[in-house]
Amino acid sequence: MEMFSTRVLVAVVVAAVSGTLFNAAAVAIAVSPDRLALALVPGRYIVAIALCLALPFLSRLFDRLWFFISGVLWLTVAASVIAKLIFGVGAPWSMVLGFNLVYAIAAVITYHLITAKSVK
């Protein structure tokens, strides 16, 4: 399978969207239902897709367990750094990391479920 086949590109996009929606839902549940509006911010999806582009590389470098660990770590930390330092999110680091952990887990699981039959 090619590194960026149609299936892999679809998996990247769907994983990013899934993670972003789970993240917005988690924030809405934990902070305020008004925060569900985060799901309507297009820039969040662009950043999420850009970050998820690392998943095909990580899935080629590592076995399933280490792919999951490295993918979740990458997406959680990178998304949190971007949220705090570029977008100026005022929430404490612990909250930002926690909510981005939700994004990361959802994205990595979604990516794996879509690509599992074609990986190794």
PDB file of N, CA and C in Angstrom:
ATOM      1  N   MET A   1       0.838  -1.182   0.000  1.00  0.00           N
ATOM      2  CA  MET A   1       0.000   0.000   0.000  1.00  0.00           C
ATOM      3  C   MET A   1       0.883   1.246   0.000  1.00  0.00           C
ATOM      4  N   GLU A   2       0.497   2.191  -0.788  1.00  0.00           N
ATOM      5  CA  GLU A   2       1.242   3.446  -0.836  1.00  0.00           C
ATOM      6  C   GLU A   2       1.055   4.207   0.464  1.00  0.00           C
ATOM      7  N   MET A   3       2.044   5.053   0.772  1.00  0.00           N
ATOM      8  CA  MET A   3       1.989   5.829   2.014  1.00  0.00           C
ATOM      9  C   MET A   3       0.751   6.709   2.046  1.00  0.00           C
ATOM     10  N   PHE A   4       0.426   7.361   0.921  1.00  0.00           N
ATOM     11  CA  PHE A   4      -0.721   8.255   0.889  1.00  0.00           C
ATOM     12  C   PHE A   4      -1.711   7.827  -0.181  1.00  0.00           C
ATOM     13  N   SER A   5      -2.197   6.614  -0.053  1.00  0.00           N
ATOM     14  CA  SER A   5      -3.252   6.136  -0.935  1.00  0.00           C
ATOM     15  C   SER A   5      -4.538   6.889  -0.595  1.00  0.00           C
ATOM     16  N   THR A   6      -5.535   6.730  -1.432  1.00  0.00           N
ATOM     17  CA  THR A   6      -6.823   7.381  -1.174  1.00  0.00           C
ATOM     18  C   THR A   6      -7.372   6.945   0.175  1.00  0.00           C
ATOM     19  N   ARG A   7      -7.260   5.659   0.467  1.00  0.00           N
ATOM     20  CA  ARG A   7      -7.751   5.140   1.751  1.00  0.00           C
ATOM     21  C   ARG A   7      -7.055   5.809   2.927  1.00  0.00           C
ATOM     22  N   VAL A   8      -5.753   5.983   2.836  1.00  0.00           N
ATOM     23  CA  VAL A   8      -4.995   6.603   3.918  1.00  0.00           C
ATOM     24  C   VAL A   8      -5.366   8.085   4.058  1.00  0.00           C
ATOM     25  N   LEU A   9      -5.495   8.773   2.945  1.00  0.00           N
ATOM     26  CA  LEU A   9      -5.888  10.190   3.015  1.00  0.00           C
ATOM     27  C   LEU A   9      -7.282  10.357   3.596  1.00  0.00           C
ATOM     28  N   VAL A  10      -8.198   9.487   3.210  1.00  0.00           N
ATOM     29  CA  VAL A  10      -9.544   9.527   3.798  1.00  0.00           C
ATOM     30  C   VAL A  10      -9.455   9.243   5.301  1.00  0.00           C
ATOM     31  N   ALA A  11      -8.641   8.276   5.676  1.00  0.00           N
ATOM     32  CA  ALA A  11      -8.471   7.939   7.091  1.00  0.00           C
ATOM     33  C   ALA A  11      -7.936   9.130   7.875  1.00  0.00           C
ATOM     34  N   VAL A  12      -6.982   9.853   7.312  1.00  0.00           N
ATOM     35  CA  VAL A  12      -6.421  11.037   7.973  1.00  0.00           C
ATOM     36  C   VAL A  12      -7.513  12.072   8.210  1.00  0.00           C
ATOM     37  N   VAL A  13      -8.291  12.354   7.183  1.00  0.00           N
ATOM     38  CA  VAL A  13      -9.333  13.377   7.294  1.00  0.00           C
ATOM     39  C   VAL A  13     -10.430  12.943   8.266  1.00  0.00           C
ATOM     40  N   VAL A  14     -10.888  11.713   8.138  1.00  0.00           N
ATOM     41  CA  VAL A  14     -11.949  11.224   9.025  1.00  0.00           C
ATOM     42  C   VAL A  14     -11.448  11.163  10.471  1.00  0.00           C
ATOM     43  N   ALA A  15     -10.218  10.753  10.673  1.00  0.00           N
ATOM     44  CA  ALA A  15      -9.638  10.718  12.019  1.00  0.00           C
ATOM     45  C   ALA A  15      -9.592  12.118  12.619  1.00  0.00           C
ATOM     46  N   ALA A  16      -9.169  13.090  11.826  1.00  0.00           N
ATOM     47  CA  ALA A  16      -9.093  14.474  12.310  1.00  0.00           C
ATOM     48  C   ALA A  16     -10.475  15.007  12.663  1.00  0.00           C
ATOM     49  N   VAL A  17     -11.442  14.752  11.812  1.00  0.00           N
ATOM     50  CA  VAL A  17     -12.812  15.217  12.069  1.00  0.00           C
ATOM     51  C   VAL A  17     -13.374  14.527  13.311  1.00  0.00           C
ATOM     52  N   SER A  18     -13.193  13.223  13.393  1.00  0.00           N
ATOM     53  CA  SER A  18     -13.675  12.464  14.545  1.00  0.00           C
ATOM     54  C   SER A  18     -13.062  12.993  15.838  1.00  0.00           C
ATOM     55  N   GLY A  19     -11.761  13.151  15.850  1.00  0.00           N
ATOM     56  CA  GLY A  19     -11.085  13.652  17.041  1.00  0.00           C
ATOM     57  C   GLY A  19     -11.562  15.036  17.433  1.00  0.00           C
ATOM     58  N   THR A  20     -11.751  15.899  16.447  1.00  0.00           N
ATOM     59  CA  THR A  20     -12.202  17.265  16.713  1.00  0.00           C
ATOM     60  C   THR A  20     -13.618  17.262  17.290  1.00  0.00           C
ATOM     61  N   LEU A  21     -14.481  16.418  16.753  1.00  0.00           N
ATOM     62  CA  LEU A  21     -15.852  16.340  17.274  1.00  0.00           C
ATOM     63  C   LEU A  21     -15.877  15.782  18.702  1.00  0.00           C
ATOM     64  N   PHE A  22     -15.085  14.761  18.966  1.00  0.00           N
ATOM     65  CA  PHE A  22     -15.008  14.224  20.331  1.00  0.00           C
ATOM     66  C   PHE A  22     -14.447  15.268  21.296  1.00  0.00           C
ATOM     67  N   ASN A  23     -13.447  16.017  20.844  1.00  0.00           N
ATOM     68  CA  ASN A  23     -12.867  17.076  21.655  1.00  0.00           C
ATOM     69  C   ASN A  23     -13.920  18.129  21.995  1.00  0.00           C
ATOM     70  N   ALA A  24     -14.668  18.594  21.003  1.00  0.00           N
ATOM     71  CA  ALA A  24     -15.695  19.613  21.236  1.00  0.00           C
ATOM     72  C   ALA A  24     -16.780  19.084  22.176  1.00  0.00           C
ATOM     73  N   ALA A  25     -17.150  17.823  22.003  1.00  0.00           N
ATOM     74  CA  ALA A  25     -18.159  17.227  22.885  1.00  0.00           C
ATOM     75  C   ALA A  25     -17.646  17.141  24.324  1.00  0.00           C
ATOM     76  N   ALA A  26     -16.392  16.763  24.493  1.00  0.00           N
ATOM     77  CA  ALA A  26     -15.814  16.667  25.835  1.00  0.00           C
ATOM     78  C   ALA A  26     -15.780  18.035  26.509  1.00  0.00           C
ATOM     79  N   VAL A  27     -15.384  19.057  25.758  1.00  0.00           N
ATOM     80  CA  VAL A  27     -15.359  20.414  26.318  1.00  0.00           C
ATOM     81  C   VAL A  27     -16.780  20.855  26.677  1.00  0.00           C
ATOM     82  N   ALA A  28     -17.741  20.561  25.822  1.00  0.00           N
ATOM     83  CA  ALA A  28     -19.134  20.941  26.086  1.00  0.00           C
ATOM     84  C   ALA A  28     -19.668  20.246  27.333  1.00  0.00           C
ATOM     85  N   ILE A  29     -19.327  18.980  27.503  1.00  0.00           N
ATOM     86  CA  ILE A  29     -19.793  18.224  28.674  1.00  0.00           C
ATOM     87  C   ILE A  29     -19.114  18.720  29.947  1.00  0.00           C
ATOM     88  N   ALA A  30     -17.817  18.943  29.894  1.00  0.00           N
ATOM     89  CA  ALA A  30     -17.058  19.280  31.096  1.00  0.00           C
ATOM     90  C   ALA A  30     -17.097  20.765  31.458  1.00  0.00           C
ATOM     91  N   VAL A  31     -17.217  21.632  30.469  1.00  0.00           N
ATOM     92  CA  VAL A  31     -17.120  23.078  30.733  1.00  0.00           C
ATOM     93  C   VAL A  31     -18.476  23.752  30.593  1.00  0.00           C
ATOM     94  N   SER A  32     -19.050  23.685  29.398  1.00  0.00           N
ATOM     95  CA  SER A  32     -20.322  24.354  29.148  1.00  0.00           C
ATOM     96  C   SER A  32     -20.884  23.870  27.812  1.00  0.00           C
ATOM     97  N   PRO A  33     -22.194  23.637  27.757  1.00  0.00           N
ATOM     98  CA  PRO A  33     -22.798  23.225  26.484  1.00  0.00           C
ATOM     99  C   PRO A  33     -22.561  24.234  25.355  1.00  0.00           C
ATOM    100  N   ASP A  34     -22.365  25.489  25.705  1.00  0.00           N
ATOM    101  CA  ASP A  34     -22.070  26.509  24.694  1.00  0.00           C
ATOM    102  C   ASP A  34     -20.789  26.195  23.930  1.00  0.00           C
ATOM    103  N   ARG A  35     -19.893  25.459  24.544  1.00  0.00           N
ATOM    104  CA  ARG A  35     -18.609  25.132  23.920  1.00  0.00           C
ATOM    105  C   ARG A  35     -18.732  24.147  22.774  1.00  0.00           C
ATOM    106  N   LEU A  36     -19.919  23.563  22.600  1.00  0.00           N
ATOM    107  CA  LEU A  36     -20.127  22.674  21.462  1.00  0.00           C
ATOM    108  C   LEU A  36     -19.950  23.437  20.152  1.00  0.00           C
ATOM    109  N   ALA A  37     -20.057  24.758  20.218  1.00  0.00           N
ATOM    110  CA  ALA A  37     -19.831  25.598  19.039  1.00  0.00           C
ATOM    111  C   ALA A  37     -18.406  25.449  18.504  1.00  0.00           C
ATOM    112  N   LEU A  38     -17.500  24.936  19.322  1.00  0.00           N
ATOM    113  CA  LEU A  38     -16.136  24.676  18.851  1.00  0.00           C
ATOM    114  C   LEU A  38     -16.137  23.731  17.651  1.00  0.00           C
ATOM    115  N   ALA A  39     -17.157  22.894  17.564  1.00  0.00           N
ATOM    116  CA  ALA A  39     -17.253  21.949  16.447  1.00  0.00           C
ATOM    117  C   ALA A  39     -17.524  22.656  15.126  1.00  0.00           C
ATOM    118  N   LEU A  40     -17.864  23.930  15.174  1.00  0.00           N
ATOM    119  CA  LEU A  40     -18.187  24.687  13.962  1.00  0.00           C
ATOM    120  C   LEU A  40     -17.052  25.581  13.481  1.00  0.00           C
ATOM    121  N   VAL A  41     -15.893  25.509  14.136  1.00  0.00           N
ATOM    122  CA  VAL A  41     -14.757  26.364  13.781  1.00  0.00           C
ATOM    123  C   VAL A  41     -13.888  25.649  12.749  1.00  0.00           C
ATOM    124  N   PRO A  42     -13.912  26.125  11.479  1.00  0.00           N
ATOM    125  CA  PRO A  42     -13.172  25.428  10.412  1.00  0.00           C
ATOM    126  C   PRO A  42     -11.671  25.310  10.671  1.00  0.00           C
ATOM    127  N   GLY A  43     -11.069  26.294  11.289  1.00  0.00           N
ATOM    128  CA  GLY A  43      -9.634  26.263  11.548  1.00  0.00           C
ATOM    129  C   GLY A  43      -9.207  25.093  12.411  1.00  0.00           C
ATOM    130  N   ARG A  44     -10.086  24.656  13.298  1.00  0.00           N
ATOM    131  CA  ARG A  44      -9.768  23.510  14.154  1.00  0.00           C
ATOM    132  C   ARG A  44      -9.602  22.245  13.316  1.00  0.00           C
ATOM    133  N   TYR A  45     -10.402  22.115  12.267  1.00  0.00           N
ATOM    134  CA  TYR A  45     -10.316  20.944  11.393  1.00  0.00           C
ATOM    135  C   TYR A  45      -9.050  20.988  10.539  1.00  0.00           C
ATOM    136  N   ILE A  46      -8.679  22.169  10.104  1.00  0.00           N
ATOM    137  CA  ILE A  46      -7.456  22.314   9.301  1.00  0.00           C
ATOM    138  C   ILE A  46      -6.237  21.904  10.126  1.00  0.00           C
ATOM    139  N   VAL A  47      -6.162  22.412  11.350  1.00  0.00           N
ATOM    140  CA  VAL A  47      -5.050  22.050  12.232  1.00  0.00           C
ATOM    141  C   VAL A  47      -5.085  20.550  12.535  1.00  0.00           C
ATOM    142  N   ALA A  48      -6.267  20.032  12.814  1.00  0.00           N
ATOM    143  CA  ALA A  48      -6.393  18.605  13.136  1.00  0.00           C
ATOM    144  C   ALA A  48      -5.935  17.725  11.975  1.00  0.00           C
ATOM    145  N   ILE A  49      -6.329  18.092  10.767  1.00  0.00           N
ATOM    146  CA  ILE A  49      -5.898  17.322   9.587  1.00  0.00           C
ATOM    147  C   ILE A  49      -4.386  17.405   9.419  1.00  0.00           C
ATOM    148  N   ALA A  50      -3.840  18.600   9.566  1.00  0.00           N
ATOM    149  CA  ALA A  50      -2.383  18.768   9.432  1.00  0.00           C
ATOM    150  C   ALA A  50      -1.641  17.891  10.447  1.00  0.00           C
ATOM    151  N   LEU A  51      -2.119  17.859  11.674  1.00  0.00           N
ATOM    152  CA  LEU A  51      -1.463  17.040  12.694  1.00  0.00           C
ATOM    153  C   LEU A  51      -1.635  15.547  12.408  1.00  0.00           C
ATOM    154  N   CYS A  52      -2.796  15.166  11.931  1.00  0.00           N
ATOM    155  CA  CYS A  52      -3.054  13.743  11.642  1.00  0.00           C
ATOM    156  C   CYS A  52      -2.263  13.236  10.441  1.00  0.00           C
ATOM    157  N   LEU A  53      -1.698  14.129   9.655  1.00  0.00           N
ATOM    158  CA  LEU A  53      -0.858  13.686   8.543  1.00  0.00           C
ATOM    159  C   LEU A  53       0.370  12.912   9.021  1.00  0.00           C
ATOM    160  N   ALA A  54       0.698  13.027  10.291  1.00  0.00           N
ATOM    161  CA  ALA A  54       1.818  12.252  10.846  1.00  0.00           C
ATOM    162  C   ALA A  54       1.440  10.785  11.063  1.00  0.00           C
ATOM    163  N   LEU A  55       0.159  10.490  11.147  1.00  0.00           N
ATOM    164  CA  LEU A  55      -0.262   9.124  11.470  1.00  0.00           C
ATOM    165  C   LEU A  55       0.197   8.069  10.471  1.00  0.00           C
ATOM    166  N   PRO A  56       0.133   8.326   9.165  1.00  0.00           N
ATOM    167  CA  PRO A  56       0.645   7.294   8.238  1.00  0.00           C
ATOM    168  C   PRO A  56       2.130   6.991   8.451  1.00  0.00           C
ATOM    169  N   PHE A  57       2.904   8.011   8.762  1.00  0.00           N
ATOM    170  CA  PHE A  57       4.335   7.799   9.011  1.00  0.00           C
ATOM    171  C   PHE A  57       4.537   6.986  10.288  1.00  0.00           C
ATOM    172  N   LEU A  58       3.817   7.364  11.340  1.00  0.00           N
ATOM    173  CA  LEU A  58       3.945   6.646  12.604  1.00  0.00           C
ATOM    174  C   LEU A  58       3.485   5.197  12.472  1.00  0.00           C
ATOM    175  N   SER A  59       2.450   4.968  11.676  1.00  0.00           N
ATOM    176  CA  SER A  59       1.959   3.590  11.513  1.00  0.00           C
ATOM    177  C   SER A  59       2.959   2.731  10.745  1.00  0.00           C
ATOM    178  N   ARG A  60       3.776   3.345   9.925  1.00  0.00           N
ATOM    179  CA  ARG A  60       4.815   2.602   9.186  1.00  0.00           C
ATOM    180  C   ARG A  60       6.045   2.355  10.056  1.00  0.00           C
ATOM    181  N   LEU A  61       6.307   3.282  10.983  1.00  0.00           N
ATOM    182  CA  LEU A  61       7.503   3.169  11.819  1.00  0.00           C
ATOM    183  C   LEU A  61       7.353   2.179  12.964  1.00  0.00           C
ATOM    184  N   PHE A  62       6.135   2.054  13.483  1.00  0.00           N
ATOM    185  CA  PHE A  62       5.948   1.311  14.729  1.00  0.00           C
ATOM    186  C   PHE A  62       4.903   0.208  14.578  1.00  0.00           C
ATOM    187  N   ASP A  63       4.995  -0.769  15.482  1.00  0.00           N
ATOM    188  CA  ASP A  63       3.929  -1.766  15.549  1.00  0.00           C
ATOM    189  C   ASP A  63       2.691  -1.116  16.164  1.00  0.00           C
ATOM    190  N   ARG A  64       1.616  -1.868  16.278  1.00  0.00           N
ATOM    191  CA  ARG A  64       0.329  -1.312  16.697  1.00  0.00           C
ATOM    192  C   ARG A  64       0.384  -0.591  18.039  1.00  0.00           C
ATOM    193  N   LEU A  65       0.993  -1.207  19.038  1.00  0.00           N
ATOM    194  CA  LEU A  65       1.051  -0.600  20.368  1.00  0.00           C
ATOM    195  C   LEU A  65       1.823   0.709  20.345  1.00  0.00           C
ATOM    196  N   TRP A  66       3.014   0.692  19.746  1.00  0.00           N
ATOM    197  CA  TRP A  66       3.834   1.903  19.718  1.00  0.00           C
ATOM    198  C   TRP A  66       3.253   2.956  18.782  1.00  0.00           C
ATOM    199  N   PHE A  67       2.530   2.528  17.752  1.00  0.00           N
ATOM    200  CA  PHE A  67       1.811   3.487  16.911  1.00  0.00           C
ATOM    201  C   PHE A  67       0.765   4.217  17.750  1.00  0.00           C
ATOM    202  N   PHE A  68       0.001   3.458  18.528  1.00  0.00           N
ATOM    203  CA  PHE A  68      -1.032   4.068  19.358  1.00  0.00           C
ATOM    204  C   PHE A  68      -0.399   5.046  20.351  1.00  0.00           C
ATOM    205  N   ILE A  69       0.638   4.617  21.040  1.00  0.00           N
ATOM    206  CA  ILE A  69       1.293   5.468  22.045  1.00  0.00           C
ATOM    207  C   ILE A  69       1.890   6.713  21.400  1.00  0.00           C
ATOM    208  N   SER A  70       2.652   6.532  20.331  1.00  0.00           N
ATOM    209  CA  SER A  70       3.301   7.692  19.703  1.00  0.00           C
ATOM    210  C   SER A  70       2.278   8.617  19.046  1.00  0.00           C
ATOM    211  N   GLY A  71       1.237   8.044  18.441  1.00  0.00           N
ATOM    212  CA  GLY A  71       0.198   8.865  17.823  1.00  0.00           C
ATOM    213  C   GLY A  71      -0.545   9.697  18.847  1.00  0.00           C
ATOM    214  N   VAL A  72      -0.915   9.071  19.954  1.00  0.00           N
ATOM    215  CA  VAL A  72      -1.634   9.793  21.007  1.00  0.00           C
ATOM    216  C   VAL A  72      -0.735  10.869  21.621  1.00  0.00           C
ATOM    217  N   LEU A  73       0.515  10.539  21.873  1.00  0.00           N
ATOM    218  CA  LEU A  73       1.436  11.543  22.429  1.00  0.00           C
ATOM    219  C   LEU A  73       1.632  12.714  21.463  1.00  0.00           C
ATOM    220  N   TRP A  74       1.886  12.408  20.204  1.00  0.00           N
ATOM    221  CA  TRP A  74       2.091  13.452  19.197  1.00  0.00           C
ATOM    222  C   TRP A  74       0.878  14.367  19.102  1.00  0.00           C
ATOM    223  N   LEU A  75      -0.289  13.780  18.916  1.00  0.00           N
ATOM    224  CA  LEU A  75      -1.488  14.591  18.714  1.00  0.00           C
ATOM    225  C   LEU A  75      -1.849  15.390  19.963  1.00  0.00           C
ATOM    226  N   THR A  76      -1.677  14.792  21.141  1.00  0.00           N
ATOM    227  CA  THR A  76      -2.002  15.510  22.382  1.00  0.00           C
ATOM    228  C   THR A  76      -1.062  16.695  22.590  1.00  0.00           C
ATOM    229  N   VAL A  77       0.214  16.443  22.515  1.00  0.00           N
ATOM    230  CA  VAL A  77       1.194  17.502  22.795  1.00  0.00           C
ATOM    231  C   VAL A  77       1.184  18.571  21.705  1.00  0.00           C
ATOM    232  N   ALA A  78       1.211  18.165  20.451  1.00  0.00           N
ATOM    233  CA  ALA A  78       1.248  19.147  19.359  1.00  0.00           C
ATOM    234  C   ALA A  78      -0.005  20.018  19.362  1.00  0.00           C
ATOM    235  N   ALA A  79      -1.171  19.401  19.507  1.00  0.00           N
ATOM    236  CA  ALA A  79      -2.414  20.177  19.523  1.00  0.00           C
ATOM    237  C   ALA A  79      -2.451  21.128  20.722  1.00  0.00           C
ATOM    238  N   SER A  80      -1.933  20.683  21.851  1.00  0.00           N
ATOM    239  CA  SER A  80      -1.929  21.521  23.055  1.00  0.00           C
ATOM    240  C   SER A  80      -0.984  22.705  22.922  1.00  0.00           C
ATOM    241  N   VAL A  81       0.190  22.462  22.389  1.00  0.00           N
ATOM    242  CA  VAL A  81       1.156  23.552  22.180  1.00  0.00           C
ATOM    243  C   VAL A  81       0.584  24.583  21.205  1.00  0.00           C
ATOM    244  N   ILE A  82      -0.032  24.117  20.137  1.00  0.00           N
ATOM    245  CA  ILE A  82      -0.638  25.031  19.167  1.00  0.00           C
ATOM    246  C   ILE A  82      -1.773  25.816  19.815  1.00  0.00           C
ATOM    247  N   ALA A  83      -2.616  25.125  20.586  1.00  0.00           N
ATOM    248  CA  ALA A  83      -3.748  25.797  21.241  1.00  0.00           C
ATOM    249  C   ALA A  83      -3.267  26.885  22.196  1.00  0.00           C
ATOM    250  N   LYS A  84      -2.271  26.568  22.998  1.00  0.00           N
ATOM    251  CA  LYS A  84      -1.791  27.523  24.001  1.00  0.00           C
ATOM    252  C   LYS A  84      -0.940  28.633  23.397  1.00  0.00           C
ATOM    253  N   LEU A  85       0.017  28.274  22.546  1.00  0.00           N
ATOM    254  CA  LEU A  85       1.000  29.256  22.098  1.00  0.00           C
ATOM    255  C   LEU A  85       0.606  30.012  20.833  1.00  0.00           C
ATOM    256  N   ILE A  86      -0.207  29.415  19.993  1.00  0.00           N
ATOM    257  CA  ILE A  86      -0.598  30.093  18.756  1.00  0.00           C
ATOM    258  C   ILE A  86      -1.996  30.682  18.875  1.00  0.00           C
ATOM    259  N   PHE A  87      -2.943  29.869  19.386  1.00  0.00           N
ATOM    260  CA  PHE A  87      -4.320  30.348  19.480  1.00  0.00           C
ATOM    261  C   PHE A  87      -4.630  31.020  20.806  1.00  0.00           C
ATOM    262  N   GLY A  88      -3.691  30.999  21.735  1.00  0.00           N
ATOM    263  CA  GLY A  88      -3.855  31.719  22.993  1.00  0.00           C
ATOM    264  C   GLY A  88      -4.973  31.217  23.889  1.00  0.00           C
ATOM    265  N   VAL A  89      -5.234  29.914  23.885  1.00  0.00           N
ATOM    266  CA  VAL A  89      -6.261  29.353  24.751  1.00  0.00           C
ATOM    267  C   VAL A  89      -5.882  29.640  26.201  1.00  0.00           C
ATOM    268  N   GLY A  90      -6.811  30.213  26.936  1.00  0.00           N
ATOM    269  CA  GLY A  90      -6.526  30.647  28.301  1.00  0.00           C
ATOM    270  C   GLY A  90      -6.700  29.597  29.373  1.00  0.00           C
ATOM    271  N   ALA A  91      -7.233  28.440  29.016  1.00  0.00           N
ATOM    272  CA  ALA A  91      -7.432  27.366  29.994  1.00  0.00           C
ATOM    273  C   ALA A  91      -6.076  26.868  30.493  1.00  0.00           C
ATOM    274  N   PRO A  92      -6.048  26.313  31.696  1.00  0.00           N
ATOM    275  CA  PRO A  92      -4.787  25.754  32.218  1.00  0.00           C
ATOM    276  C   PRO A  92      -4.271  24.620  31.327  1.00  0.00           C
ATOM    277  N   TRP A  93      -2.951  24.427  31.364  1.00  0.00           N
ATOM    278  CA  TRP A  93      -2.326  23.370  30.571  1.00  0.00           C
ATOM    279  C   TRP A  93      -2.976  22.015  30.832  1.00  0.00           C
ATOM    280  N   SER A  94      -3.304  21.735  32.082  1.00  0.00           N
ATOM    281  CA  SER A  94      -3.886  20.428  32.402  1.00  0.00           C
ATOM    282  C   SER A  94      -5.199  20.207  31.660  1.00  0.00           C
ATOM    283  N   MET A  95      -6.021  21.239  31.558  1.00  0.00           N
ATOM    284  CA  MET A  95      -7.290  21.110  30.830  1.00  0.00           C
ATOM    285  C   MET A  95      -7.047  20.960  29.332  1.00  0.00           C
ATOM    286  N   VAL A  96      -6.149  21.774  28.811  1.00  0.00           N
ATOM    287  CA  VAL A  96      -5.855  21.723  27.374  1.00  0.00           C
ATOM    288  C   VAL A  96      -5.300  20.351  27.009  1.00  0.00           C
ATOM    289  N   LEU A  97      -4.371  19.864  27.787  1.00  0.00           N
ATOM    290  CA  LEU A  97      -3.811  18.527  27.536  1.00  0.00           C
ATOM    291  C   LEU A  97      -4.886  17.445  27.665  1.00  0.00           C
ATOM    292  N   GLY A  98      -5.743  17.561  28.659  1.00  0.00           N
ATOM    293  CA  GLY A  98      -6.802  16.573  28.862  1.00  0.00           C
ATOM    294  C   GLY A  98      -7.787  16.528  27.707  1.00  0.00           C
ATOM    295  N   PHE A  99      -8.232  17.694  27.266  1.00  0.00           N
ATOM    296  CA  PHE A  99      -9.189  17.722  26.152  1.00  0.00           C
ATOM    297  C   PHE A  99      -8.532  17.310  24.841  1.00  0.00           C
ATOM    298  N   ASN A 100      -7.269  17.649  24.672  1.00  0.00           N
ATOM    299  CA  ASN A 100      -6.569  17.213  23.459  1.00  0.00           C
ATOM    300  C   ASN A 100      -6.229  15.728  23.508  1.00  0.00           C
ATOM    301  N   LEU A 101      -6.146  15.175  24.690  1.00  0.00           N
ATOM    302  CA  LEU A 101      -5.995  13.723  24.814  1.00  0.00           C
ATOM    303  C   LEU A 101      -7.233  13.025  24.255  1.00  0.00           C
ATOM    304  N   VAL A 102      -8.410  13.585  24.505  1.00  0.00           N
ATOM    305  CA  VAL A 102      -9.651  13.038  23.945  1.00  0.00           C
ATOM    306  C   VAL A 102      -9.583  13.072  22.418  1.00  0.00           C
ATOM    307  N   TYR A 103      -9.173  14.228  21.858  1.00  0.00           N
ATOM    308  CA  TYR A 103      -8.998  14.362  20.407  1.00  0.00           C
ATOM    309  C   TYR A 103      -8.037  13.290  19.886  1.00  0.00           C
ATOM    310  N   ALA A 104      -6.913  13.142  20.563  1.00  0.00           N
ATOM    311  CA  ALA A 104      -5.863  12.240  20.101  1.00  0.00           C
ATOM    312  C   ALA A 104      -6.307  10.777  20.110  1.00  0.00           C
ATOM    313  N   ILE A 105      -6.920  10.358  21.191  1.00  0.00           N
ATOM    314  CA  ILE A 105      -7.364   8.960  21.280  1.00  0.00           C
ATOM    315  C   ILE A 105      -8.411   8.668  20.206  1.00  0.00           C
ATOM    316  N   ALA A 106      -9.377   9.560  20.060  1.00  0.00           N
ATOM    317  CA  ALA A 106     -10.416   9.353  19.041  1.00  0.00           C
ATOM    318  C   ALA A 106      -9.802   9.314  17.641  1.00  0.00           C
ATOM    319  N   ALA A 107      -8.866  10.209  17.365  1.00  0.00           N
ATOM    320  CA  ALA A 107      -8.260  10.272  16.038  1.00  0.00           C
ATOM    321  C   ALA A 107      -7.432   9.022  15.738  1.00  0.00           C
ATOM    322  N   VAL A 108      -6.629   8.590  16.680  1.00  0.00           N
ATOM    323  CA  VAL A 108      -5.769   7.421  16.448  1.00  0.00           C
ATOM    324  C   VAL A 108      -6.609   6.161  16.284  1.00  0.00           C
ATOM    325  N   ILE A 109      -7.622   5.999  17.103  1.00  0.00           N
ATOM    326  CA  ILE A 109      -8.483   4.823  16.978  1.00  0.00           C
ATOM    327  C   ILE A 109      -9.216   4.847  15.634  1.00  0.00           C
ATOM    328  N   THR A 110      -9.745   5.996  15.259  1.00  0.00           N
ATOM    329  CA  THR A 110     -10.453   6.118  13.982  1.00  0.00           C
ATOM    330  C   THR A 110      -9.521   5.791  12.819  1.00  0.00           C
ATOM    331  N   TYR A 111      -8.325   6.366  12.846  1.00  0.00           N
ATOM    332  CA  TYR A 111      -7.355   6.109  11.779  1.00  0.00           C
ATOM    333  C   TYR A 111      -7.064   4.609  11.689  1.00  0.00           C
ATOM    334  N   HIS A 112      -6.813   3.992  12.818  1.00  0.00           N
ATOM    335  CA  HIS A 112      -6.485   2.571  12.834  1.00  0.00           C
ATOM    336  C   HIS A 112      -7.650   1.723  12.311  1.00  0.00           C
ATOM    337  N   LEU A 113      -8.859   2.053  12.708  1.00  0.00           N
ATOM    338  CA  LEU A 113     -10.018   1.273  12.270  1.00  0.00           C
ATOM    339  C   LEU A 113     -10.201   1.341  10.750  1.00  0.00           C
ATOM    340  N   ILE A 114      -9.895   2.484  10.168  1.00  0.00           N
ATOM    341  CA  ILE A 114     -10.052   2.643   8.725  1.00  0.00           C
ATOM    342  C   ILE A 114      -8.931   1.945   7.966  1.00  0.00           C
ATOM    343  N   THR A 115      -7.733   1.989   8.501  1.00  0.00           N
ATOM    344  CA  THR A 115      -6.570   1.459   7.769  1.00  0.00           C
ATOM    345  C   THR A 115      -6.152   0.057   8.210  1.00  0.00           C
ATOM    346  N   ALA A 116      -6.766  -0.493   9.226  1.00  0.00           N
ATOM    347  CA  ALA A 116      -6.300  -1.742   9.831  1.00  0.00           C
ATOM    348  C   ALA A 116      -6.125  -2.881   8.838  1.00  0.00           C
ATOM    349  N   LYS A 117      -7.010  -3.041   7.897  1.00  0.00           N
ATOM    350  CA  LYS A 117      -6.913  -4.161   6.960  1.00  0.00           C
ATOM    351  C   LYS A 117      -5.745  -4.016   6.010  1.00  0.00           C
ATOM    352  N   SER A 118      -5.273  -2.791   5.816  1.00  0.00           N
ATOM    353  CA  SER A 118      -4.206  -2.583   4.857  1.00  0.00           C
ATOM    354  C   SER A 118      -2.851  -2.326   5.516  1.00  0.00           C
ATOM    355  N   VAL A 119      -2.789  -2.308   6.844  1.00  0.00           N
ATOM    356  CA  VAL A 119      -1.526  -2.067   7.538  1.00  0.00           C
ATOM    357  C   VAL A 119      -0.794  -3.385   7.709  1.00  0.00           C
ATOM    358  N   LYS A 120       0.475  -3.389   7.319  1.00  0.00           N
ATOM    359  CA  LYS A 120       1.380  -4.525   7.450  1.00  0.00           C
ATOM    360  C   LYS A 120       0.627  -5.768   7.156  1.00  0.00           C
TER     361      LYS A 120
END
